[in-house]
Amino acid sequence: MSDSTSAIHVLKHHFADLDQQRETSTFGMWLFLVTEIMFFGGMFCAYLVYRVLYFNSFGAASTTLSIQLGTTNTAVLICSSLTMAMAVHAAATGHRKAIILFLVLTLLLGGVFIGIKGVEYYDKFQERHVPGPNFNFVLEGAEAKHFQHVDPHAAEIYFSLYFCMTGLHALHMLIGFGLITWLIIAATRGKFTPEYYSPVELVGLYWHFVDIVWIFLFPLLYLISRHP
């Protein structure tokens, strides 16, 4: 199939040309991401308000999270953003095998992130730090000496926000897995050319947004002041 024939095949009838179609779809994706920013922004604001109200208890609850696992996940997501950007570049230059390779790498790195997050969640269940009737928060060791008069109810609020924000972030990643899998199938079938690779570019924007959300979550949840 020639480039001109391929262009006609992917061009929707209500657009004048591929450039207009690409600009419109990109604008639509940015509008969607703005709504996502407002969605996560509300949770960030709620977290910051409660952080000020229960400064000591939030700091104490944060000490139970593993900075090592959080840092590893941050590095993994940054690498996945790089492979996603390389996939977009490969699509723009018409390298089909490279598109598939970098998309698969992005998918694998995302899987590593979810796996590590699953380990963290399992630890929280074992420690009974999951909000609900079985919630129990007791500091031990050096932290117990540093943090005194910790309010368990305030700590439960911290973990409620932790599970809510990281859980929704993980849900967005799972949606990204589905989109990337669709891209891999489409790339295997030769759907993308240097003239038409908007889906790769748009999914790339979505994936970068999900990564940026984690860049904010990591310091808020893991790196807050751990001193009373």
C-alpha atoms as a PDB file:
ATOM      1  CA  MET A   1       0.000   0.000   0.000  1.00  0.00           C
ATOM      2  CA  SER A   2       1.467   3.382  -1.025  1.00  0.00           C
ATOM      3  CA  ASP A   3       1.798   6.293   1.403  1.00  0.00           C
ATOM      4  CA  SER A   4      -0.960   8.228  -0.374  1.00  0.00           C
ATOM      5  CA  THR A   5      -3.317   5.260  -0.281  1.00  0.00           C
ATOM      6  CA  SER A   6      -2.481   4.663   3.396  1.00  0.00           C
ATOM      7  CA  ALA A   7      -3.136   8.322   4.187  1.00  0.00           C
ATOM      8  CA  ILE A   8      -6.566   8.147   2.556  1.00  0.00           C
ATOM      9  CA  HIS A   9      -7.326   4.967   4.512  1.00  0.00           C
ATOM     10  CA  VAL A  10      -6.683   6.506   7.975  1.00  0.00           C
ATOM     11  CA  LEU A  11      -8.109   9.974   7.230  1.00  0.00           C
ATOM     12  CA  LYS A  12     -11.575  10.424   8.728  1.00  0.00           C
ATOM     13  CA  HIS A  13     -14.214  11.947   6.471  1.00  0.00           C
ATOM     14  CA  HIS A  14     -14.803  15.047   8.634  1.00  0.00           C
ATOM     15  CA  PHE A  15     -11.184  16.240   8.370  1.00  0.00           C
ATOM     16  CA  ALA A  16      -9.641  18.037   5.425  1.00  0.00           C
ATOM     17  CA  ASP A  17      -6.260  16.320   5.752  1.00  0.00           C
ATOM     18  CA  LEU A  18      -4.062  14.330   8.134  1.00  0.00           C
ATOM     19  CA  ASP A  19      -2.502  17.470   9.636  1.00  0.00           C
ATOM     20  CA  GLN A  20      -5.907  18.777  10.700  1.00  0.00           C
ATOM     21  CA  GLN A  21      -6.855  15.356  12.041  1.00  0.00           C
ATOM     22  CA  ARG A  22      -3.631  15.151  14.055  1.00  0.00           C
ATOM     23  CA  GLU A  23      -3.991  18.668  15.501  1.00  0.00           C
ATOM     24  CA  THR A  24      -7.586  18.035  16.503  1.00  0.00           C
ATOM     25  CA  SER A  25      -6.854  14.695  18.164  1.00  0.00           C
ATOM     26  CA  THR A  26      -3.872  16.185  20.009  1.00  0.00           C
ATOM     27  CA  PHE A  27      -6.015  19.075  21.236  1.00  0.00           C
ATOM     28  CA  GLY A  28      -8.626  16.582  22.427  1.00  0.00           C
ATOM     29  CA  MET A  29      -6.009  14.616  24.351  1.00  0.00           C
ATOM     30  CA  TRP A  30      -4.726  17.772  26.041  1.00  0.00           C
ATOM     31  CA  LEU A  31      -8.289  18.666  27.079  1.00  0.00           C
ATOM     32  CA  PHE A  32      -8.661  15.196  28.561  1.00  0.00           C
ATOM     33  CA  LEU A  33      -5.370  15.563  30.447  1.00  0.00           C
ATOM     34  CA  VAL A  34      -6.539  18.911  31.858  1.00  0.00           C
ATOM     35  CA  THR A  35      -9.561  17.151  33.378  1.00  0.00           C
ATOM     36  CA  GLU A  36      -7.208  14.517  34.793  1.00  0.00           C
ATOM     37  CA  ILE A  37      -5.047  17.249  36.320  1.00  0.00           C
ATOM     38  CA  MET A  38      -8.123  18.682  38.054  1.00  0.00           C
ATOM     39  CA  PHE A  39      -9.076  15.163  39.202  1.00  0.00           C
ATOM     40  CA  PHE A  40      -5.720  14.424  40.805  1.00  0.00           C
ATOM     41  CA  GLY A  41      -5.323  18.051  41.877  1.00  0.00           C
ATOM     42  CA  GLY A  42      -8.301  17.744  44.210  1.00  0.00           C
ATOM     43  CA  MET A  43      -6.696  14.793  45.973  1.00  0.00           C
ATOM     44  CA  PHE A  44      -3.368  16.603  46.201  1.00  0.00           C
ATOM     45  CA  CYS A  45      -5.108  19.580  47.828  1.00  0.00           C
ATOM     46  CA  ALA A  46      -6.912  17.315  50.302  1.00  0.00           C
ATOM     47  CA  TYR A  47      -3.622  15.637  51.169  1.00  0.00           C
ATOM     48  CA  LEU A  48      -1.855  18.969  51.767  1.00  0.00           C
ATOM     49  CA  VAL A  49      -4.669  20.258  53.994  1.00  0.00           C
ATOM     50  CA  TYR A  50      -4.614  17.145  56.164  1.00  0.00           C
ATOM     51  CA  ARG A  51      -0.827  17.174  56.160  1.00  0.00           C
ATOM     52  CA  VAL A  52      -0.880  20.615  57.769  1.00  0.00           C
ATOM     53  CA  LEU A  53      -3.595  19.631  60.240  1.00  0.00           C
ATOM     54  CA  TYR A  54      -1.909  16.371  61.298  1.00  0.00           C
ATOM     55  CA  PHE A  55       1.735  17.124  60.637  1.00  0.00           C
ATOM     56  CA  ASN A  56       3.176  14.801  63.277  1.00  0.00           C
ATOM     57  CA  SER A  57       0.889  11.845  62.555  1.00  0.00           C
ATOM     58  CA  PHE A  58       1.416  12.043  58.785  1.00  0.00           C
ATOM     59  CA  GLY A  59       5.171  12.095  59.288  1.00  0.00           C
ATOM     60  CA  ALA A  60       4.969   9.063  61.560  1.00  0.00           C
ATOM     61  CA  ALA A  61       2.793   7.136  59.089  1.00  0.00           C
ATOM     62  CA  SER A  62       5.198   7.957  56.273  1.00  0.00           C
ATOM     63  CA  THR A  63       8.046   6.207  58.094  1.00  0.00           C
ATOM     64  CA  THR A  64       6.346   2.859  57.450  1.00  0.00           C
ATOM     65  CA  LEU A  65       6.733   3.229  53.673  1.00  0.00           C
ATOM     66  CA  SER A  66       9.847   1.895  51.954  1.00  0.00           C
ATOM     67  CA  ILE A  67      11.837   4.702  50.360  1.00  0.00           C
ATOM     68  CA  GLN A  68      13.925   2.073  48.551  1.00  0.00           C
ATOM     69  CA  LEU A  69      10.871   0.589  46.813  1.00  0.00           C
ATOM     70  CA  GLY A  70       9.469   4.029  46.073  1.00  0.00           C
ATOM     71  CA  THR A  71      12.765   5.194  44.590  1.00  0.00           C
ATOM     72  CA  THR A  72      13.036   2.049  42.486  1.00  0.00           C
ATOM     73  CA  ASN A  73       9.537   2.588  41.128  1.00  0.00           C
ATOM     74  CA  THR A  74      10.376   6.202  40.316  1.00  0.00           C
ATOM     75  CA  ALA A  75      13.441   5.122  38.324  1.00  0.00           C
ATOM     76  CA  VAL A  76      11.394   2.438  36.550  1.00  0.00           C
ATOM     77  CA  LEU A  77       8.744   4.951  35.466  1.00  0.00           C
ATOM     78  CA  ILE A  78      11.335   7.457  34.272  1.00  0.00           C
ATOM     79  CA  CYS A  79      12.857   4.707  32.128  1.00  0.00           C
ATOM     80  CA  SER A  80       9.398   3.822  30.798  1.00  0.00           C
ATOM     81  CA  SER A  81       8.897   7.447  29.767  1.00  0.00           C
ATOM     82  CA  LEU A  82      12.168   7.238  27.838  1.00  0.00           C
ATOM     83  CA  THR A  83      11.150   4.054  26.017  1.00  0.00           C
ATOM     84  CA  MET A  84       7.735   5.570  25.239  1.00  0.00           C
ATOM     85  CA  ALA A  85       9.407   8.658  23.774  1.00  0.00           C
ATOM     86  CA  MET A  86      11.662   6.393  21.713  1.00  0.00           C
ATOM     87  CA  ALA A  87       8.581   4.560  20.430  1.00  0.00           C
ATOM     88  CA  VAL A  88       7.071   7.848  19.266  1.00  0.00           C
ATOM     89  CA  HIS A  89      10.345   8.772  17.551  1.00  0.00           C
ATOM     90  CA  ALA A  90      10.501   5.368  15.869  1.00  0.00           C
ATOM     91  CA  ALA A  91       6.948   5.834  14.615  1.00  0.00           C
ATOM     92  CA  ALA A  92       7.772   9.280  13.261  1.00  0.00           C
ATOM     93  CA  THR A  93      10.758   7.888  11.356  1.00  0.00           C
ATOM     94  CA  GLY A  94       8.961   4.787  10.103  1.00  0.00           C
ATOM     95  CA  HIS A  95      10.890   2.070  11.973  1.00  0.00           C
ATOM     96  CA  ARG A  96       8.194  -0.513  12.660  1.00  0.00           C
ATOM     97  CA  LYS A  97      10.373  -3.031  14.519  1.00  0.00           C
ATOM     98  CA  ALA A  98      11.707  -0.273  16.770  1.00  0.00           C
ATOM     99  CA  ILE A  99       8.156   0.866  17.541  1.00  0.00           C
ATOM    100  CA  ILE A 100       7.241  -2.622  18.693  1.00  0.00           C
ATOM    101  CA  LEU A 101      10.468  -3.049  20.670  1.00  0.00           C
ATOM    102  CA  PHE A 102      10.127   0.203  22.604  1.00  0.00           C
ATOM    103  CA  LEU A 103       6.413  -0.329  23.246  1.00  0.00           C
ATOM    104  CA  VAL A 104       7.112  -3.803  24.625  1.00  0.00           C
ATOM    105  CA  LEU A 105       9.864  -2.369  26.845  1.00  0.00           C
ATOM    106  CA  THR A 106       7.452   0.299  28.094  1.00  0.00           C
ATOM    107  CA  LEU A 107       4.908  -2.394  28.882  1.00  0.00           C
ATOM    108  CA  LEU A 108       7.493  -4.477  30.753  1.00  0.00           C
ATOM    109  CA  LEU A 109       8.705  -1.517  32.803  1.00  0.00           C
ATOM    110  CA  GLY A 110       5.124  -0.656  33.679  1.00  0.00           C
ATOM    111  CA  GLY A 111       4.626  -4.251  34.784  1.00  0.00           C
ATOM    112  CA  VAL A 112       7.666  -3.979  37.059  1.00  0.00           C
ATOM    113  CA  PHE A 113       6.166  -0.851  38.623  1.00  0.00           C
ATOM    114  CA  ILE A 114       2.831  -2.559  39.287  1.00  0.00           C
ATOM    115  CA  GLY A 115       4.632  -5.604  40.691  1.00  0.00           C
ATOM    116  CA  ILE A 116       6.602  -3.500  43.172  1.00  0.00           C
ATOM    117  CA  LYS A 117       3.460  -1.595  44.126  1.00  0.00           C
ATOM    118  CA  GLY A 118       1.763  -4.941  44.741  1.00  0.00           C
ATOM    119  CA  VAL A 119       4.565  -5.880  47.142  1.00  0.00           C
ATOM    120  CA  GLU A 120       4.047  -2.596  48.997  1.00  0.00           C
ATOM    121  CA  TYR A 121       0.307  -3.170  49.214  1.00  0.00           C
ATOM    122  CA  TYR A 122       0.871  -6.695  50.516  1.00  0.00           C
ATOM    123  CA  ASP A 123       3.148  -5.331  53.238  1.00  0.00           C
ATOM    124  CA  LYS A 124       0.488  -2.807  54.258  1.00  0.00           C
ATOM    125  CA  PHE A 125      -2.104  -5.589  54.543  1.00  0.00           C
ATOM    126  CA  GLN A 126       0.289  -7.645  56.658  1.00  0.00           C
ATOM    127  CA  GLU A 127       0.980  -4.677  58.935  1.00  0.00           C
ATOM    128  CA  ARG A 128      -2.765  -3.918  59.211  1.00  0.00           C
ATOM    129  CA  HIS A 129      -2.283  -0.428  57.811  1.00  0.00           C
ATOM    130  CA  VAL A 130      -5.258  -0.701  55.486  1.00  0.00           C
ATOM    131  CA  PRO A 131      -8.040   1.686  56.616  1.00  0.00           C
ATOM    132  CA  GLY A 132     -11.067  -0.114  57.988  1.00  0.00           C
ATOM    133  CA  PRO A 133     -12.214  -2.106  61.010  1.00  0.00           C
ATOM    134  CA  ASN A 134      -8.902  -4.010  61.238  1.00  0.00           C
ATOM    135  CA  PHE A 135      -6.697  -0.928  61.014  1.00  0.00           C
ATOM    136  CA  ASN A 136      -3.945  -0.815  63.611  1.00  0.00           C
ATOM    137  CA  PHE A 137      -1.080   1.665  63.691  1.00  0.00           C
ATOM    138  CA  VAL A 138       1.644   1.229  66.272  1.00  0.00           C
ATOM    139  CA  LEU A 139       5.162   2.579  65.826  1.00  0.00           C
ATOM    140  CA  GLU A 140       8.056   0.480  67.034  1.00  0.00           C
ATOM    141  CA  GLY A 141      11.763   1.009  67.539  1.00  0.00           C
ATOM    142  CA  ALA A 142      13.449   4.358  66.993  1.00  0.00           C
ATOM    143  CA  GLU A 143      10.386   5.882  65.342  1.00  0.00           C
ATOM    144  CA  ALA A 144       8.327   5.297  68.479  1.00  0.00           C
ATOM    145  CA  LYS A 145      10.824   7.412  70.451  1.00  0.00           C
ATOM    146  CA  HIS A 146      10.851  10.221  67.902  1.00  0.00           C
ATOM    147  CA  PHE A 147       7.097  10.445  67.341  1.00  0.00           C
ATOM    148  CA  GLN A 148       5.013  10.816  70.457  1.00  0.00           C
ATOM    149  CA  HIS A 149       1.280  11.430  70.800  1.00  0.00           C
ATOM    150  CA  VAL A 150       0.558  10.109  67.304  1.00  0.00           C
ATOM    151  CA  ASP A 151      -3.164  10.065  66.538  1.00  0.00           C
ATOM    152  CA  PRO A 152      -4.105   6.665  65.008  1.00  0.00           C
ATOM    153  CA  HIS A 153      -7.157   8.245  63.347  1.00  0.00           C
ATOM    154  CA  ALA A 154      -4.929  10.816  61.642  1.00  0.00           C
ATOM    155  CA  ALA A 155      -2.601   8.009  60.534  1.00  0.00           C
ATOM    156  CA  GLU A 156      -5.627   6.221  59.080  1.00  0.00           C
ATOM    157  CA  ILE A 157      -6.426   9.348  57.071  1.00  0.00           C
ATOM    158  CA  TYR A 158      -2.885   9.281  55.714  1.00  0.00           C
ATOM    159  CA  PHE A 159      -3.214   5.665  54.582  1.00  0.00           C
ATOM    160  CA  SER A 160      -6.669   6.371  53.138  1.00  0.00           C
ATOM    161  CA  LEU A 161      -5.122   9.055  50.953  1.00  0.00           C
ATOM    162  CA  TYR A 162      -2.150   6.818  50.195  1.00  0.00           C
ATOM    163  CA  PHE A 163      -4.291   3.952  48.909  1.00  0.00           C
ATOM    164  CA  CYS A 164      -6.681   6.287  47.102  1.00  0.00           C
ATOM    165  CA  MET A 165      -3.997   8.219  45.223  1.00  0.00           C
ATOM    166  CA  THR A 166      -1.647   5.339  44.468  1.00  0.00           C
ATOM    167  CA  GLY A 167      -4.575   3.059  43.617  1.00  0.00           C
ATOM    168  CA  LEU A 168      -6.025   5.507  41.116  1.00  0.00           C
ATOM    169  CA  HIS A 169      -2.567   6.011  39.672  1.00  0.00           C
ATOM    170  CA  ALA A 170      -2.193   2.242  39.275  1.00  0.00           C
ATOM    171  CA  LEU A 171      -5.626   2.107  37.602  1.00  0.00           C
ATOM    172  CA  HIS A 172      -4.475   4.710  35.080  1.00  0.00           C
ATOM    173  CA  MET A 173      -1.397   2.593  34.435  1.00  0.00           C
ATOM    174  CA  LEU A 174      -3.538  -0.486  33.772  1.00  0.00           C
ATOM    175  CA  ILE A 175      -5.532   1.547  31.253  1.00  0.00           C
ATOM    176  CA  GLY A 176      -2.203   2.513  29.713  1.00  0.00           C
ATOM    177  CA  PHE A 177      -1.305  -1.181  29.453  1.00  0.00           C
ATOM    178  CA  GLY A 178      -4.413  -1.746  27.364  1.00  0.00           C
ATOM    179  CA  LEU A 179      -3.626   1.193  25.086  1.00  0.00           C
ATOM    180  CA  ILE A 180       0.003   0.132  24.615  1.00  0.00           C
ATOM    181  CA  THR A 181      -1.063  -3.447  23.855  1.00  0.00           C
ATOM    182  CA  TRP A 182      -3.405  -2.082  21.182  1.00  0.00           C
ATOM    183  CA  LEU A 183      -0.522  -0.025  19.749  1.00  0.00           C
ATOM    184  CA  ILE A 184       1.718  -3.100  19.616  1.00  0.00           C
ATOM    185  CA  ILE A 185      -0.926  -5.047  17.693  1.00  0.00           C
ATOM    186  CA  ALA A 186      -1.495  -2.126  15.313  1.00  0.00           C
ATOM    187  CA  ALA A 187       2.257  -1.651  14.787  1.00  0.00           C
ATOM    188  CA  THR A 188       2.649  -5.355  14.054  1.00  0.00           C
ATOM    189  CA  ARG A 189       0.043  -4.955  11.317  1.00  0.00           C
ATOM    190  CA  GLY A 190       1.887  -1.985   9.855  1.00  0.00           C
ATOM    191  CA  LYS A 191      -0.765   0.598  10.713  1.00  0.00           C
ATOM    192  CA  PHE A 192       1.693   3.403  11.466  1.00  0.00           C
ATOM    193  CA  THR A 193       3.745   5.398   8.980  1.00  0.00           C
ATOM    194  CA  PRO A 194       5.728   8.653   9.179  1.00  0.00           C
ATOM    195  CA  GLU A 195       2.588  10.321   7.780  1.00  0.00           C
ATOM    196  CA  TYR A 196       0.270   8.721  10.352  1.00  0.00           C
ATOM    197  CA  TYR A 197       1.382   7.883  13.873  1.00  0.00           C
ATOM    198  CA  SER A 198      -1.008  10.027  15.955  1.00  0.00           C
ATOM    199  CA  PRO A 199      -2.189   7.117  18.145  1.00  0.00           C
ATOM    200  CA  VAL A 200       1.379   6.437  19.282  1.00  0.00           C
ATOM    201  CA  GLU A 201       1.909  10.111  20.013  1.00  0.00           C
ATOM    202  CA  LEU A 202      -1.359  10.455  21.943  1.00  0.00           C
ATOM    203  CA  VAL A 203      -0.812   7.354  24.055  1.00  0.00           C
ATOM    204  CA  GLY A 204       2.681   8.697  24.699  1.00  0.00           C
ATOM    205  CA  LEU A 205       1.188  11.921  26.081  1.00  0.00           C
ATOM    206  CA  TYR A 206      -1.105   9.898  28.331  1.00  0.00           C
ATOM    207  CA  TRP A 207       1.765   7.730  29.564  1.00  0.00           C
ATOM    208  CA  HIS A 208       3.965  10.751  30.303  1.00  0.00           C
ATOM    209  CA  PHE A 209       1.105  12.291  32.285  1.00  0.00           C
ATOM    210  CA  VAL A 210       0.767   9.139  34.390  1.00  0.00           C
ATOM    211  CA  ASP A 211       4.519   9.238  35.032  1.00  0.00           C
ATOM    212  CA  ILE A 212       4.391  12.900  36.053  1.00  0.00           C
ATOM    213  CA  VAL A 213       1.602  12.170  38.533  1.00  0.00           C
ATOM    214  CA  TRP A 214       3.907   9.665  40.231  1.00  0.00           C
ATOM    215  CA  ILE A 215       6.720  12.224  40.296  1.00  0.00           C
ATOM    216  CA  PHE A 216       4.423  14.303  42.531  1.00  0.00           C
ATOM    217  CA  LEU A 217       3.103  11.356  44.558  1.00  0.00           C
ATOM    218  CA  PHE A 218       6.545  10.049  45.451  1.00  0.00           C
ATOM    219  CA  PRO A 219       7.818  13.075  47.412  1.00  0.00           C
ATOM    220  CA  LEU A 220       4.403  13.787  48.933  1.00  0.00           C
ATOM    221  CA  LEU A 221       3.921  10.284  50.302  1.00  0.00           C
ATOM    222  CA  TYR A 222       7.475   9.005  50.791  1.00  0.00           C
ATOM    223  CA  LEU A 223       9.792  11.975  51.243  1.00  0.00           C
ATOM    224  CA  ILE A 224       7.826  14.243  53.559  1.00  0.00           C
ATOM    225  CA  SER A 225       9.559  15.316  56.755  1.00  0.00           C
ATOM    226  CA  ARG A 226      10.003  12.268  58.950  1.00  0.00           C
ATOM    227  CA  HIS A 227      10.786  14.321  62.031  1.00  0.00           C
ATOM    228  CA  PRO A 228       8.206  15.390  64.624  1.00  0.00           C
END
